[in-house]
Amino acid sequence: MEPWPTVAWVIILMVIANWMKTAHTRDFTENDIIFLHPSTTPYPGGFKCFTCEDAPDNYECNRWAPDLYCPKDARYCFTQHRINLDGNTVAVTKRCVALSDCLSTGCTDVDHEGHRTCTACCEGNICNLPIPRNESDAVFATTSPLSGAPRPPTSHPLLTITTLMLTLLFFSHV
């Protein structure tokens, strides 16, 4: 028997195994969001958040999140990520929330079960795709000011540098 049929079968099995590996990826992409979550809204400014309760990981949460719009009183997407001492996910919870639920973002110390909890909030349609893993991820990200008060005007960087240079020049000649 010639070795070529055996080599051909090995190559075919390798291609199938590689195809299956890519078919079962654990990454959730923005293309998945577009496919799963259409952009029409039931009311002006309506938006969606990924929603799950104690999902085993971020992929399962995002994959099976109900395709529902947030209530009008909920303006933000909330994510809570529980992590064990090895850095592995224990549970993921995501939902629509009001401002008051987003005022305590960040990460907790390790609890008596050996878990750390990181909480993040964001503003925008399905903005809670990723999970917070550390203090730099566990933030409250908004796209608009939290209060209706006017913001102080910001100065242009070039104006600031010019003012600083003129001040230094003035005091060096005095």
N, C-alpha and C. Protein backbone atom coordinates (compact mmCIF):
# COMPACT_ATOMS: atom_id res chain seq x y z
N MET A 1 0.84 -1.18 0.00
CA MET A 1 0.00 0.00 0.00
C MET A 1 0.88 1.24 0.00
N GLU A 2 0.50 2.19 -0.81
CA GLU A 2 1.28 3.41 -0.92
C GLU A 2 0.96 4.34 0.26
N PRO A 3 1.94 5.17 0.70
CA PRO A 3 1.72 6.06 1.85
C PRO A 3 0.85 7.28 1.51
N TRP A 4 0.61 7.59 0.24
CA TRP A 4 -0.10 8.79 -0.13
C TRP A 4 -1.53 8.86 0.38
N PRO A 5 -2.32 7.78 0.34
CA PRO A 5 -3.69 7.89 0.89
C PRO A 5 -3.67 8.23 2.39
N THR A 6 -2.72 7.69 3.11
CA THR A 6 -2.62 7.97 4.55
C THR A 6 -2.26 9.44 4.77
N VAL A 7 -1.31 9.96 4.02
CA VAL A 7 -0.91 11.37 4.12
C VAL A 7 -2.10 12.27 3.78
N ALA A 8 -2.84 11.91 2.75
CA ALA A 8 -4.00 12.71 2.36
C ALA A 8 -5.03 12.75 3.48
N TRP A 9 -5.29 11.61 4.13
CA TRP A 9 -6.24 11.58 5.24
C TRP A 9 -5.77 12.44 6.41
N VAL A 10 -4.49 12.40 6.70
CA VAL A 10 -3.93 13.20 7.80
C VAL A 10 -4.12 14.69 7.49
N ILE A 11 -3.84 15.09 6.26
CA ILE A 11 -4.00 16.49 5.87
C ILE A 11 -5.46 16.91 5.96
N ILE A 12 -6.36 16.06 5.48
CA ILE A 12 -7.79 16.36 5.55
C ILE A 12 -8.24 16.51 7.00
N LEU A 13 -7.81 15.61 7.87
CA LEU A 13 -8.19 15.69 9.29
C LEU A 13 -7.61 16.94 9.95
N MET A 14 -6.40 17.34 9.55
CA MET A 14 -5.82 18.56 10.11
C MET A 14 -6.61 19.79 9.68
N VAL A 15 -7.03 19.83 8.43
CA VAL A 15 -7.83 20.95 7.93
C VAL A 15 -9.17 21.01 8.66
N ILE A 16 -9.81 19.86 8.84
CA ILE A 16 -11.10 19.82 9.55
C ILE A 16 -10.92 20.26 11.01
N ALA A 17 -9.87 19.79 11.67
CA ALA A 17 -9.62 20.17 13.06
C ALA A 17 -9.37 21.67 13.18
N ASN A 18 -8.60 22.23 12.24
CA ASN A 18 -8.33 23.66 12.25
C ASN A 18 -9.61 24.46 11.99
N TRP A 19 -10.46 23.97 11.09
CA TRP A 19 -11.73 24.63 10.81
C TRP A 19 -12.63 24.60 12.04
N MET A 20 -12.67 23.47 12.75
CA MET A 20 -13.52 23.37 13.94
C MET A 20 -13.02 24.29 15.03
N LYS A 21 -11.70 24.46 15.13
CA LYS A 21 -11.15 25.34 16.15
C LYS A 21 -11.60 26.78 15.91
N THR A 22 -11.60 27.22 14.65
CA THR A 22 -12.04 28.58 14.36
C THR A 22 -13.54 28.72 14.44
N ALA A 23 -14.28 27.64 14.26
CA ALA A 23 -15.73 27.70 14.34
C ALA A 23 -16.19 27.84 15.79
N HIS A 24 -15.37 27.44 16.74
CA HIS A 24 -15.75 27.49 18.15
C HIS A 24 -14.92 28.49 18.93
N THR A 25 -14.56 29.58 18.30
CA THR A 25 -13.75 30.59 18.98
C THR A 25 -14.53 31.21 20.13
N ARG A 26 -13.82 31.66 21.17
CA ARG A 26 -14.45 32.25 22.34
C ARG A 26 -14.45 33.77 22.27
N ASP A 27 -14.02 34.33 21.16
CA ASP A 27 -14.02 35.77 21.00
C ASP A 27 -15.35 36.23 20.42
N PHE A 28 -15.85 37.32 20.94
CA PHE A 28 -17.10 37.91 20.46
C PHE A 28 -16.74 39.21 19.79
N THR A 29 -17.09 39.37 18.54
CA THR A 29 -16.64 40.52 17.77
C THR A 29 -17.76 41.53 17.55
N GLU A 30 -17.39 42.71 17.04
CA GLU A 30 -18.40 43.72 16.73
C GLU A 30 -19.30 43.28 15.60
N ASN A 31 -18.82 42.42 14.69
CA ASN A 31 -19.69 41.88 13.64
C ASN A 31 -20.80 41.04 14.24
N ASP A 32 -20.50 40.31 15.32
CA ASP A 32 -21.54 39.54 16.01
C ASP A 32 -22.59 40.48 16.58
N ILE A 33 -22.19 41.63 17.07
CA ILE A 33 -23.12 42.60 17.63
C ILE A 33 -24.07 43.08 16.54
N ILE A 34 -23.53 43.43 15.39
CA ILE A 34 -24.36 43.92 14.29
C ILE A 34 -25.36 42.86 13.86
N PHE A 35 -24.92 41.60 13.81
CA PHE A 35 -25.79 40.51 13.41
C PHE A 35 -26.89 40.24 14.45
N LEU A 36 -26.50 40.24 15.73
CA LEU A 36 -27.45 39.88 16.79
C LEU A 36 -28.32 41.04 17.25
N HIS A 37 -27.86 42.26 17.11
CA HIS A 37 -28.56 43.40 17.67
C HIS A 37 -28.83 44.46 16.61
N PRO A 38 -29.99 44.42 15.95
CA PRO A 38 -30.30 45.43 14.94
C PRO A 38 -30.34 46.83 15.55
N SER A 39 -30.21 47.85 14.72
CA SER A 39 -30.05 49.21 15.24
C SER A 39 -31.34 50.03 15.30
N THR A 40 -32.50 49.49 15.00
CA THR A 40 -33.73 50.27 15.11
C THR A 40 -34.12 50.40 16.58
N THR A 41 -34.65 51.55 16.96
CA THR A 41 -35.00 51.78 18.37
C THR A 41 -36.49 52.02 18.53
N PRO A 42 -37.08 51.58 19.66
CA PRO A 42 -38.51 51.77 19.88
C PRO A 42 -38.86 53.18 20.33
N TYR A 43 -37.87 53.93 20.84
CA TYR A 43 -38.08 55.30 21.28
C TYR A 43 -36.80 56.09 21.03
N PRO A 44 -36.86 57.40 20.88
CA PRO A 44 -35.66 58.19 20.60
C PRO A 44 -34.60 58.01 21.68
N GLY A 45 -33.40 57.74 21.27
CA GLY A 45 -32.30 57.54 22.22
C GLY A 45 -32.27 56.15 22.82
N GLY A 46 -33.13 55.26 22.36
CA GLY A 46 -33.15 53.90 22.90
C GLY A 46 -31.86 53.17 22.58
N PHE A 47 -31.46 52.29 23.48
CA PHE A 47 -30.23 51.54 23.29
C PHE A 47 -30.34 50.19 24.00
N LYS A 48 -29.38 49.33 23.74
CA LYS A 48 -29.34 48.00 24.34
C LYS A 48 -28.02 47.83 25.08
N CYS A 49 -28.05 46.96 26.08
CA CYS A 49 -26.84 46.52 26.77
C CYS A 49 -26.82 45.00 26.75
N PHE A 50 -25.64 44.42 26.78
CA PHE A 50 -25.58 42.98 27.01
C PHE A 50 -26.17 42.74 28.39
N THR A 51 -26.97 41.68 28.53
CA THR A 51 -27.67 41.41 29.78
C THR A 51 -27.56 39.94 30.13
N CYS A 52 -27.00 39.65 31.30
CA CYS A 52 -26.91 38.27 31.79
C CYS A 52 -26.72 38.31 33.30
N GLU A 53 -26.97 37.21 33.93
CA GLU A 53 -26.82 37.12 35.39
C GLU A 53 -25.95 35.91 35.71
N ASP A 54 -24.78 36.14 36.29
CA ASP A 54 -23.85 35.09 36.70
C ASP A 54 -23.52 34.11 35.57
N ALA A 55 -23.22 34.64 34.39
CA ALA A 55 -22.79 33.80 33.27
C ALA A 55 -21.40 33.23 33.58
N PRO A 56 -21.07 32.05 33.06
CA PRO A 56 -19.77 31.45 33.38
C PRO A 56 -18.57 32.19 32.79
N ASP A 57 -18.79 32.94 31.70
CA ASP A 57 -17.71 33.75 31.12
C ASP A 57 -18.32 34.82 30.22
N ASN A 58 -17.47 35.71 29.71
CA ASN A 58 -17.94 36.83 28.91
C ASN A 58 -18.56 36.38 27.59
N TYR A 59 -17.99 35.36 26.98
CA TYR A 59 -18.52 34.87 25.71
C TYR A 59 -19.96 34.38 25.88
N GLU A 60 -20.19 33.56 26.89
CA GLU A 60 -21.54 33.03 27.12
C GLU A 60 -22.52 34.15 27.44
N CYS A 61 -22.08 35.14 28.19
CA CYS A 61 -22.95 36.27 28.49
C CYS A 61 -23.33 37.01 27.22
N ASN A 62 -22.35 37.38 26.42
CA ASN A 62 -22.62 38.15 25.21
C ASN A 62 -23.39 37.34 24.17
N ARG A 63 -23.10 36.06 24.10
CA ARG A 63 -23.75 35.21 23.10
C ARG A 63 -25.23 35.03 23.39
N TRP A 64 -25.59 34.86 24.64
CA TRP A 64 -26.98 34.55 24.99
C TRP A 64 -27.72 35.73 25.60
N ALA A 65 -27.16 36.92 25.52
CA ALA A 65 -27.82 38.11 26.07
C ALA A 65 -29.15 38.35 25.36
N PRO A 66 -30.21 38.60 26.12
CA PRO A 66 -31.50 38.89 25.47
C PRO A 66 -31.42 40.15 24.61
N ASP A 67 -32.09 40.12 23.49
CA ASP A 67 -32.07 41.23 22.55
C ASP A 67 -33.21 42.19 22.89
N LEU A 68 -33.09 42.91 24.03
CA LEU A 68 -34.13 43.81 24.51
C LEU A 68 -33.56 45.21 24.70
N TYR A 69 -34.43 46.21 24.53
CA TYR A 69 -34.00 47.58 24.78
C TYR A 69 -34.06 47.89 26.27
N CYS A 70 -33.19 48.77 26.70
CA CYS A 70 -33.17 49.19 28.10
C CYS A 70 -34.38 50.07 28.38
N PRO A 71 -34.87 50.05 29.63
CA PRO A 71 -35.95 50.97 29.99
C PRO A 71 -35.48 52.42 29.86
N LYS A 72 -36.42 53.33 29.72
CA LYS A 72 -36.06 54.75 29.52
C LYS A 72 -35.29 55.33 30.70
N ASP A 73 -35.52 54.83 31.92
CA ASP A 73 -34.84 55.38 33.09
C ASP A 73 -33.42 54.83 33.27
N ALA A 74 -33.04 53.83 32.49
CA ALA A 74 -31.69 53.27 32.56
C ALA A 74 -30.87 53.83 31.41
N ARG A 75 -29.83 54.60 31.74
CA ARG A 75 -29.03 55.27 30.70
C ARG A 75 -27.67 54.62 30.48
N TYR A 76 -27.31 53.62 31.29
CA TYR A 76 -25.96 53.08 31.23
C TYR A 76 -25.97 51.56 31.20
N CYS A 77 -24.86 51.00 30.72
CA CYS A 77 -24.65 49.55 30.71
C CYS A 77 -23.68 49.21 31.84
N PHE A 78 -24.02 48.23 32.63
CA PHE A 78 -23.28 47.82 33.83
C PHE A 78 -22.64 46.46 33.58
N THR A 79 -21.41 46.27 34.05
CA THR A 79 -20.74 44.98 33.96
C THR A 79 -20.05 44.69 35.29
N GLN A 80 -20.30 43.49 35.81
CA GLN A 80 -19.63 43.05 37.03
C GLN A 80 -18.92 41.74 36.71
N HIS A 81 -17.64 41.67 37.01
CA HIS A 81 -16.81 40.52 36.67
C HIS A 81 -16.15 39.98 37.94
N ARG A 82 -16.51 38.75 38.31
CA ARG A 82 -15.87 38.10 39.46
C ARG A 82 -14.75 37.21 38.96
N ILE A 83 -13.57 37.34 39.60
CA ILE A 83 -12.35 36.67 39.16
C ILE A 83 -11.77 35.90 40.34
N ASN A 84 -11.21 34.69 40.08
CA ASN A 84 -10.56 33.96 41.16
C ASN A 84 -9.10 34.39 41.28
N LEU A 85 -8.37 33.79 42.21
CA LEU A 85 -6.98 34.19 42.46
C LEU A 85 -6.06 33.94 41.27
N ASP A 86 -6.43 32.99 40.39
CA ASP A 86 -5.63 32.69 39.20
C ASP A 86 -5.93 33.64 38.05
N GLY A 87 -6.90 34.54 38.23
CA GLY A 87 -7.27 35.47 37.17
C GLY A 87 -8.32 34.92 36.23
N ASN A 88 -8.90 33.77 36.55
CA ASN A 88 -9.94 33.17 35.71
C ASN A 88 -11.32 33.68 36.11
N THR A 89 -12.21 33.76 35.14
CA THR A 89 -13.56 34.26 35.38
C THR A 89 -14.37 33.26 36.20
N VAL A 90 -15.04 33.78 37.23
CA VAL A 90 -15.97 32.98 38.03
C VAL A 90 -17.39 33.25 37.56
N ALA A 91 -17.72 34.53 37.35
CA ALA A 91 -19.07 34.89 36.90
C ALA A 91 -19.06 36.28 36.27
N VAL A 92 -19.98 36.47 35.32
CA VAL A 92 -20.15 37.76 34.65
C VAL A 92 -21.62 38.14 34.73
N THR A 93 -21.88 39.37 35.17
CA THR A 93 -23.24 39.91 35.22
C THR A 93 -23.25 41.22 34.46
N LYS A 94 -24.23 41.38 33.56
CA LYS A 94 -24.37 42.61 32.78
C LYS A 94 -25.83 42.98 32.73
N ARG A 95 -26.10 44.31 32.74
CA ARG A 95 -27.49 44.78 32.66
C ARG A 95 -27.54 46.28 32.40
N CYS A 96 -28.75 46.77 32.14
CA CYS A 96 -29.03 48.20 32.01
C CYS A 96 -29.22 48.76 33.42
N VAL A 97 -28.66 49.94 33.68
CA VAL A 97 -28.80 50.53 35.01
C VAL A 97 -28.98 52.04 34.93
N ALA A 98 -29.41 52.59 36.05
CA ALA A 98 -29.50 54.04 36.21
C ALA A 98 -28.16 54.56 36.72
N LEU A 99 -28.01 55.87 36.75
CA LEU A 99 -26.77 56.51 37.17
C LEU A 99 -26.32 56.05 38.56
N SER A 100 -27.23 55.90 39.49
CA SER A 100 -26.86 55.56 40.87
C SER A 100 -26.11 54.23 40.97
N ASP A 101 -26.36 53.31 40.04
CA ASP A 101 -25.66 52.01 40.07
C ASP A 101 -24.25 52.09 39.50
N CYS A 102 -23.89 53.21 38.90
CA CYS A 102 -22.57 53.34 38.28
C CYS A 102 -21.60 54.19 39.09
N LEU A 103 -22.00 54.64 40.25
CA LEU A 103 -21.16 55.55 41.02
C LEU A 103 -20.08 54.84 41.83
N SER A 104 -20.08 53.51 41.84
CA SER A 104 -19.06 52.78 42.60
C SER A 104 -18.35 51.76 41.72
N THR A 105 -17.75 52.22 40.63
CA THR A 105 -16.99 51.33 39.77
C THR A 105 -15.61 51.11 40.38
N GLY A 106 -14.91 50.10 39.89
CA GLY A 106 -13.58 49.77 40.39
C GLY A 106 -13.51 48.31 40.76
N CYS A 107 -12.45 47.92 41.45
CA CYS A 107 -12.25 46.53 41.85
C CYS A 107 -12.18 46.43 43.37
N THR A 108 -12.73 45.36 43.90
CA THR A 108 -12.70 45.12 45.35
C THR A 108 -11.46 44.29 45.71
N ASP A 109 -11.18 44.24 46.99
CA ASP A 109 -10.14 43.35 47.47
C ASP A 109 -10.65 41.91 47.39
N VAL A 110 -9.77 40.96 47.52
CA VAL A 110 -10.15 39.55 47.47
C VAL A 110 -11.02 39.24 48.68
N ASP A 111 -12.17 38.58 48.45
CA ASP A 111 -13.08 38.26 49.54
C ASP A 111 -12.74 36.92 50.19
N HIS A 112 -13.56 36.47 51.13
CA HIS A 112 -13.30 35.23 51.87
C HIS A 112 -13.35 33.99 50.99
N GLU A 113 -13.98 34.07 49.82
CA GLU A 113 -14.02 32.94 48.90
C GLU A 113 -12.84 32.97 47.92
N GLY A 114 -11.99 33.97 48.02
CA GLY A 114 -10.85 34.08 47.12
C GLY A 114 -11.19 34.70 45.79
N HIS A 115 -12.24 35.52 45.76
CA HIS A 115 -12.68 36.16 44.53
C HIS A 115 -12.51 37.67 44.63
N ARG A 116 -12.22 38.28 43.51
CA ARG A 116 -12.15 39.72 43.39
C ARG A 116 -13.23 40.15 42.41
N THR A 117 -13.90 41.25 42.66
CA THR A 117 -14.98 41.73 41.79
C THR A 117 -14.60 43.08 41.21
N CYS A 118 -14.67 43.17 39.86
CA CYS A 118 -14.41 44.43 39.17
C CYS A 118 -15.71 44.86 38.49
N THR A 119 -16.07 46.13 38.66
CA THR A 119 -17.31 46.68 38.13
C THR A 119 -17.01 47.85 37.21
N ALA A 120 -17.71 47.89 36.07
CA ALA A 120 -17.55 48.98 35.11
C ALA A 120 -18.92 49.40 34.59
N CYS A 121 -19.02 50.65 34.15
CA CYS A 121 -20.22 51.16 33.50
C CYS A 121 -19.80 51.92 32.25
N CYS A 122 -20.72 51.96 31.30
CA CYS A 122 -20.44 52.71 30.08
C CYS A 122 -21.75 53.26 29.54
N GLU A 123 -21.63 54.22 28.63
CA GLU A 123 -22.79 54.85 28.03
C GLU A 123 -22.74 54.62 26.53
N GLY A 124 -23.79 54.03 25.99
CA GLY A 124 -23.83 53.80 24.55
C GLY A 124 -24.46 52.46 24.22
N ASN A 125 -24.84 52.30 22.98
CA ASN A 125 -25.50 51.08 22.54
C ASN A 125 -24.54 49.89 22.59
N ILE A 126 -24.87 48.90 23.38
CA ILE A 126 -24.10 47.66 23.54
C ILE A 126 -22.63 47.96 23.80
N CYS A 127 -22.37 48.90 24.68
CA CYS A 127 -20.99 49.31 24.97
C CYS A 127 -20.31 48.37 25.95
N ASN A 128 -21.07 47.50 26.61
CA ASN A 128 -20.47 46.63 27.63
C ASN A 128 -20.04 45.28 27.06
N LEU A 129 -19.40 45.30 25.90
CA LEU A 129 -18.85 44.10 25.27
C LEU A 129 -17.71 43.50 26.10
N PRO A 130 -16.67 44.27 26.45
CA PRO A 130 -15.58 43.68 27.24
C PRO A 130 -15.92 43.63 28.72
N ILE A 131 -15.10 42.88 29.46
CA ILE A 131 -15.27 42.80 30.91
C ILE A 131 -14.08 43.48 31.60
N PRO A 132 -14.32 44.11 32.74
CA PRO A 132 -13.20 44.72 33.48
C PRO A 132 -12.38 43.64 34.18
N ARG A 133 -11.07 43.69 34.00
CA ARG A 133 -10.18 42.69 34.61
C ARG A 133 -9.30 43.29 35.71
N ASN A 134 -9.16 44.64 35.70
CA ASN A 134 -8.31 45.30 36.69
C ASN A 134 -8.79 46.73 36.87
N GLU A 135 -8.09 47.49 37.70
CA GLU A 135 -8.50 48.86 38.01
C GLU A 135 -8.57 49.76 36.78
N SER A 136 -7.69 49.54 35.80
CA SER A 136 -7.69 50.41 34.62
C SER A 136 -8.88 50.12 33.70
N ASP A 137 -9.47 48.93 33.80
CA ASP A 137 -10.65 48.58 33.01
C ASP A 137 -11.95 48.89 33.75
N ALA A 138 -11.90 48.90 35.07
CA ALA A 138 -13.10 49.05 35.89
C ALA A 138 -13.39 50.53 36.09
N VAL A 139 -13.97 51.16 35.06
CA VAL A 139 -14.21 52.59 35.08
C VAL A 139 -15.65 52.91 34.68
N PHE A 140 -16.02 54.15 34.85
CA PHE A 140 -17.32 54.65 34.41
C PHE A 140 -17.05 55.53 33.21
N ALA A 141 -17.31 55.03 32.01
CA ALA A 141 -17.02 55.74 30.77
C ALA A 141 -18.30 56.35 30.21
N THR A 142 -18.35 57.68 30.16
CA THR A 142 -19.53 58.37 29.64
C THR A 142 -19.15 59.13 28.37
N THR A 143 -20.15 59.37 27.55
CA THR A 143 -19.92 60.16 26.33
C THR A 143 -20.48 61.56 26.48
N SER A 144 -21.23 61.79 27.55
CA SER A 144 -21.79 63.12 27.79
C SER A 144 -21.55 63.49 29.24
N PRO A 145 -21.60 64.79 29.58
CA PRO A 145 -21.38 65.21 30.97
C PRO A 145 -22.46 64.61 31.88
N LEU A 146 -22.09 64.32 33.12
CA LEU A 146 -23.04 63.73 34.06
C LEU A 146 -24.04 64.74 34.58
N SER A 147 -23.71 66.02 34.54
CA SER A 147 -24.66 67.03 35.00
C SER A 147 -25.00 67.96 33.85
N GLY A 148 -26.09 68.69 34.01
CA GLY A 148 -26.50 69.63 32.98
C GLY A 148 -25.79 70.96 33.09
N ALA A 149 -24.93 71.10 34.09
CA ALA A 149 -24.21 72.36 34.29
C ALA A 149 -23.24 72.59 33.14
N PRO A 150 -23.08 73.83 32.73
CA PRO A 150 -22.13 74.09 31.64
C PRO A 150 -20.71 73.77 32.09
N ARG A 151 -19.95 73.23 31.19
CA ARG A 151 -18.56 72.89 31.48
C ARG A 151 -17.70 74.13 31.34
N PRO A 152 -16.65 74.24 32.14
CA PRO A 152 -15.75 75.39 32.00
C PRO A 152 -15.05 75.30 30.65
N PRO A 153 -14.77 76.46 30.05
CA PRO A 153 -14.09 76.41 28.76
C PRO A 153 -12.69 75.85 28.92
N THR A 154 -12.29 75.08 27.95
CA THR A 154 -10.94 74.53 27.99
C THR A 154 -10.06 75.38 27.09
N SER A 155 -8.83 75.55 27.51
CA SER A 155 -7.92 76.37 26.72
C SER A 155 -7.21 75.49 25.70
N HIS A 156 -6.80 76.11 24.66
CA HIS A 156 -6.08 75.42 23.61
C HIS A 156 -4.65 75.18 24.08
N PRO A 157 -4.05 74.00 23.82
CA PRO A 157 -2.68 73.73 24.28
C PRO A 157 -1.66 74.74 23.78
N LEU A 158 -1.81 75.22 22.55
CA LEU A 158 -0.86 76.19 22.01
C LEU A 158 -0.92 77.50 22.78
N LEU A 159 -2.13 77.90 23.17
CA LEU A 159 -2.29 79.12 23.95
C LEU A 159 -1.62 78.96 25.32
N THR A 160 -1.78 77.81 25.94
CA THR A 160 -1.17 77.55 27.24
C THR A 160 0.34 77.59 27.15
N ILE A 161 0.91 76.96 26.14
CA ILE A 161 2.36 76.94 25.97
C ILE A 161 2.89 78.35 25.69
N THR A 162 2.18 79.10 24.85
CA THR A 162 2.60 80.47 24.53
C THR A 162 2.58 81.34 25.78
N THR A 163 1.53 81.22 26.58
CA THR A 163 1.44 81.99 27.82
C THR A 163 2.58 81.63 28.76
N LEU A 164 2.87 80.35 28.89
CA LEU A 164 3.96 79.91 29.76
C LEU A 164 5.31 80.44 29.28
N MET A 165 5.53 80.38 27.98
CA MET A 165 6.79 80.87 27.42
C MET A 165 6.95 82.37 27.65
N LEU A 166 5.88 83.15 27.42
CA LEU A 166 5.95 84.61 27.62
C LEU A 166 6.18 84.94 29.10
N THR A 167 5.57 84.19 29.99
CA THR A 167 5.77 84.42 31.42
C THR A 167 7.22 84.14 31.80
N LEU A 168 7.77 83.03 31.32
CA LEU A 168 9.18 82.72 31.61
C LEU A 168 10.12 83.77 31.02
N LEU A 169 9.84 84.22 29.81
CA LEU A 169 10.65 85.23 29.16
C LEU A 169 10.59 86.54 29.94
N PHE A 170 9.42 86.92 30.40
CA PHE A 170 9.25 88.16 31.16
C PHE A 170 10.03 88.10 32.45
N PHE A 171 9.93 87.00 33.20
CA PHE A 171 10.60 86.91 34.50
C PHE A 171 12.10 86.70 34.37
N SER A 172 12.55 86.21 33.25
CA SER A 172 14.00 86.04 33.09
C SER A 172 14.70 87.38 32.81
N HIS A 173 13.94 88.37 32.29
CA HIS A 173 14.50 89.67 32.02
C HIS A 173 14.28 90.66 33.15
N VAL A 174 13.58 90.31 34.17
CA VAL A 174 13.30 91.23 35.27
C VAL A 174 14.42 91.21 36.29
